Protein backbone atom coordinates (compact mmCIF):
# COMPACT_ATOMS: atom_id res chain seq x y z
CA UNK A 1 48.09 76.70 140.00
CA UNK A 2 50.49 74.13 141.43
CA UNK A 3 51.72 73.31 137.94
CA UNK A 4 52.56 76.99 137.28
CA UNK A 5 54.35 77.19 140.62
CA UNK A 6 56.33 74.03 139.77
CA UNK A 7 57.33 75.45 136.36
CA UNK A 8 58.45 78.70 137.96
CA UNK A 9 60.59 76.83 140.49
CA UNK A 10 62.16 74.74 137.68
CA UNK A 11 63.03 77.90 135.73
CA UNK A 12 64.59 79.50 138.81
CA UNK A 13 66.61 76.35 139.53
CA UNK A 14 67.86 76.22 135.91
CA UNK A 15 68.87 79.88 136.14
CA UNK A 16 70.78 79.26 139.37
CA UNK A 17 72.64 76.32 137.78
CA UNK A 18 73.49 78.45 134.73
CA UNK A 19 74.84 81.28 136.91
CA UNK A 20 76.97 78.79 138.85
CA UNK A 21 78.41 77.43 135.58
CA UNK A 22 79.24 80.95 134.39
CA UNK A 23 80.95 81.85 137.65
CA UNK A 24 83.24 78.79 137.55
CA UNK A 25 84.40 79.22 133.93
CA UNK A 26 87.94 80.36 133.18
CA UNK A 27 88.39 83.97 132.18
CA UNK A 28 88.91 84.76 128.50
CA UNK A 29 92.54 85.20 127.56
CA UNK A 30 93.75 88.71 126.77
CA UNK A 31 94.03 89.57 123.07
CA UNK A 32 97.46 89.33 121.46
CA UNK A 33 99.14 92.72 121.06
CA UNK A 34 100.26 94.03 117.68
CA UNK A 35 103.85 93.00 117.03
CA UNK A 36 103.75 90.09 119.49
CA UNK A 37 104.09 86.58 118.10
CA UNK A 38 101.32 84.12 118.95
CA UNK A 39 101.93 80.38 118.74
CA UNK A 40 98.70 78.85 117.45
CA UNK A 41 99.16 75.12 117.20
CA UNK A 42 102.22 74.63 115.02
CA UNK A 43 102.02 78.08 113.38
CA UNK A 44 103.57 81.34 114.53
CA UNK A 45 101.51 84.45 113.71
CA UNK A 46 102.37 88.10 114.30
CA UNK A 47 99.92 90.85 113.34
CA UNK A 48 102.03 93.90 112.60
CA UNK A 49 99.36 96.36 111.40
CA UNK A 50 95.73 96.73 110.32
CA UNK A 51 94.58 99.45 107.92
CA UNK A 52 90.96 100.11 106.95
CA UNK A 53 90.24 102.18 103.86
CA UNK A 54 87.15 102.42 101.63
CA UNK A 55 85.43 99.42 103.21
CA UNK A 56 88.48 97.14 102.97
CA UNK A 57 90.43 95.98 106.02
CA UNK A 58 93.99 94.91 105.28
CA UNK A 59 95.86 93.04 108.02
CA UNK A 60 99.66 92.77 107.71
CA UNK A 61 101.13 89.54 109.07
CA UNK A 62 104.28 87.57 109.67
CA UNK A 63 103.35 83.88 109.51
CA UNK A 64 105.17 80.56 109.37
CA UNK A 65 106.55 77.71 111.39
CA UNK A 66 105.28 74.67 109.55
CA UNK A 67 104.48 73.48 106.04
CA UNK A 68 100.93 74.39 105.00
CA UNK A 69 99.54 75.02 101.52
CA UNK A 70 96.92 77.45 102.89
CA UNK A 71 98.13 79.03 106.15
CA UNK A 72 95.35 81.66 106.07
CA UNK A 73 92.51 79.13 106.19
CA UNK A 74 92.12 79.58 109.95
CA UNK A 75 91.56 83.35 109.93
CA UNK A 76 88.13 84.85 110.58
CA UNK A 77 87.01 88.36 111.36
CA UNK A 78 84.11 89.57 113.47
CA UNK A 79 83.19 93.12 112.46
CA UNK A 80 80.60 94.87 114.64
CA UNK A 81 79.26 91.51 115.83
CA UNK A 82 79.01 89.92 112.38
CA UNK A 83 81.34 87.40 110.74
CA UNK A 84 83.22 88.59 107.65
CA UNK A 85 84.84 86.07 105.33
CA UNK A 86 88.40 86.35 104.15
CA UNK A 87 88.52 88.24 100.86
CA UNK A 88 92.05 87.92 99.54
CA UNK A 89 95.52 86.99 100.70
CA UNK A 90 99.08 87.56 99.57
CA UNK A 91 100.33 84.79 101.89
CA UNK A 92 102.21 82.03 100.10
CA UNK A 93 102.23 78.42 101.21
CA UNK A 94 104.03 78.48 104.53
CA UNK A 95 107.16 76.70 105.64
CA UNK A 96 109.32 76.65 108.72
CA UNK A 97 110.64 80.11 107.82
CA UNK A 98 108.52 83.20 108.48
CA UNK A 99 106.95 85.21 105.64
CA UNK A 100 105.52 88.73 105.52
CA UNK A 101 102.12 88.91 103.83
CA UNK A 102 98.66 90.49 104.03
CA UNK A 103 95.06 89.33 104.26
CA UNK A 104 92.07 91.46 103.35
CA UNK A 105 88.43 91.55 104.42
CA UNK A 106 85.45 93.43 102.94
CA UNK A 107 83.97 95.35 105.88
CA UNK A 108 81.88 97.81 103.85
CA UNK A 109 78.62 96.38 105.20
CA UNK A 110 79.69 96.39 108.84
CA UNK A 111 78.17 98.93 111.21
CA UNK A 112 80.49 100.61 113.68
CA UNK A 113 84.22 100.10 113.94
CA UNK A 114 84.65 97.06 116.25
CA UNK A 115 86.96 94.53 114.58
CA UNK A 116 88.30 91.31 116.14
CA UNK A 117 90.53 88.92 114.21
CA UNK A 118 90.72 85.23 115.16
CA UNK A 119 93.15 82.54 114.03
CA UNK A 120 92.46 78.88 114.75
CA UNK A 121 94.57 75.77 114.23
CA UNK A 122 93.40 72.55 115.78
CA UNK A 123 92.28 73.27 119.33
CA UNK A 124 94.33 76.46 119.65
CA UNK A 125 93.12 80.00 118.99
CA UNK A 126 94.49 83.53 119.17
CA UNK A 127 92.65 86.83 118.82
CA UNK A 128 93.61 90.40 118.05
CA UNK A 129 91.43 93.47 118.68
CA UNK A 130 91.86 95.60 115.57
CA UNK A 131 89.42 98.37 116.29
């Protein structure tokens, strides 16, 4: 009986510590708006539009700012709570100048219409709410 009481107290203490940690964390940054440039590490990214048709989500971008053979490697999409891998890209190797291009994701298997795009470079990240 005392052992069960001790376990219950330990669980309550762990819950209190967890709630304290959650209350002291920084708030999540607001998503980047369409048409606004986000500086993610050494790369500038602007999402200009997102169009979904027949299970394909095409995201139109303006990207550049540094030399990179694969500037789209840091993109990932969460569609209705599930990760979706990058399907195709028209983005060339980037340079200091900005380039217009598109990336595409296969969202045919995703339930609902919630879509959040993330771009990561190093320790920096930006996110766009697409739907």
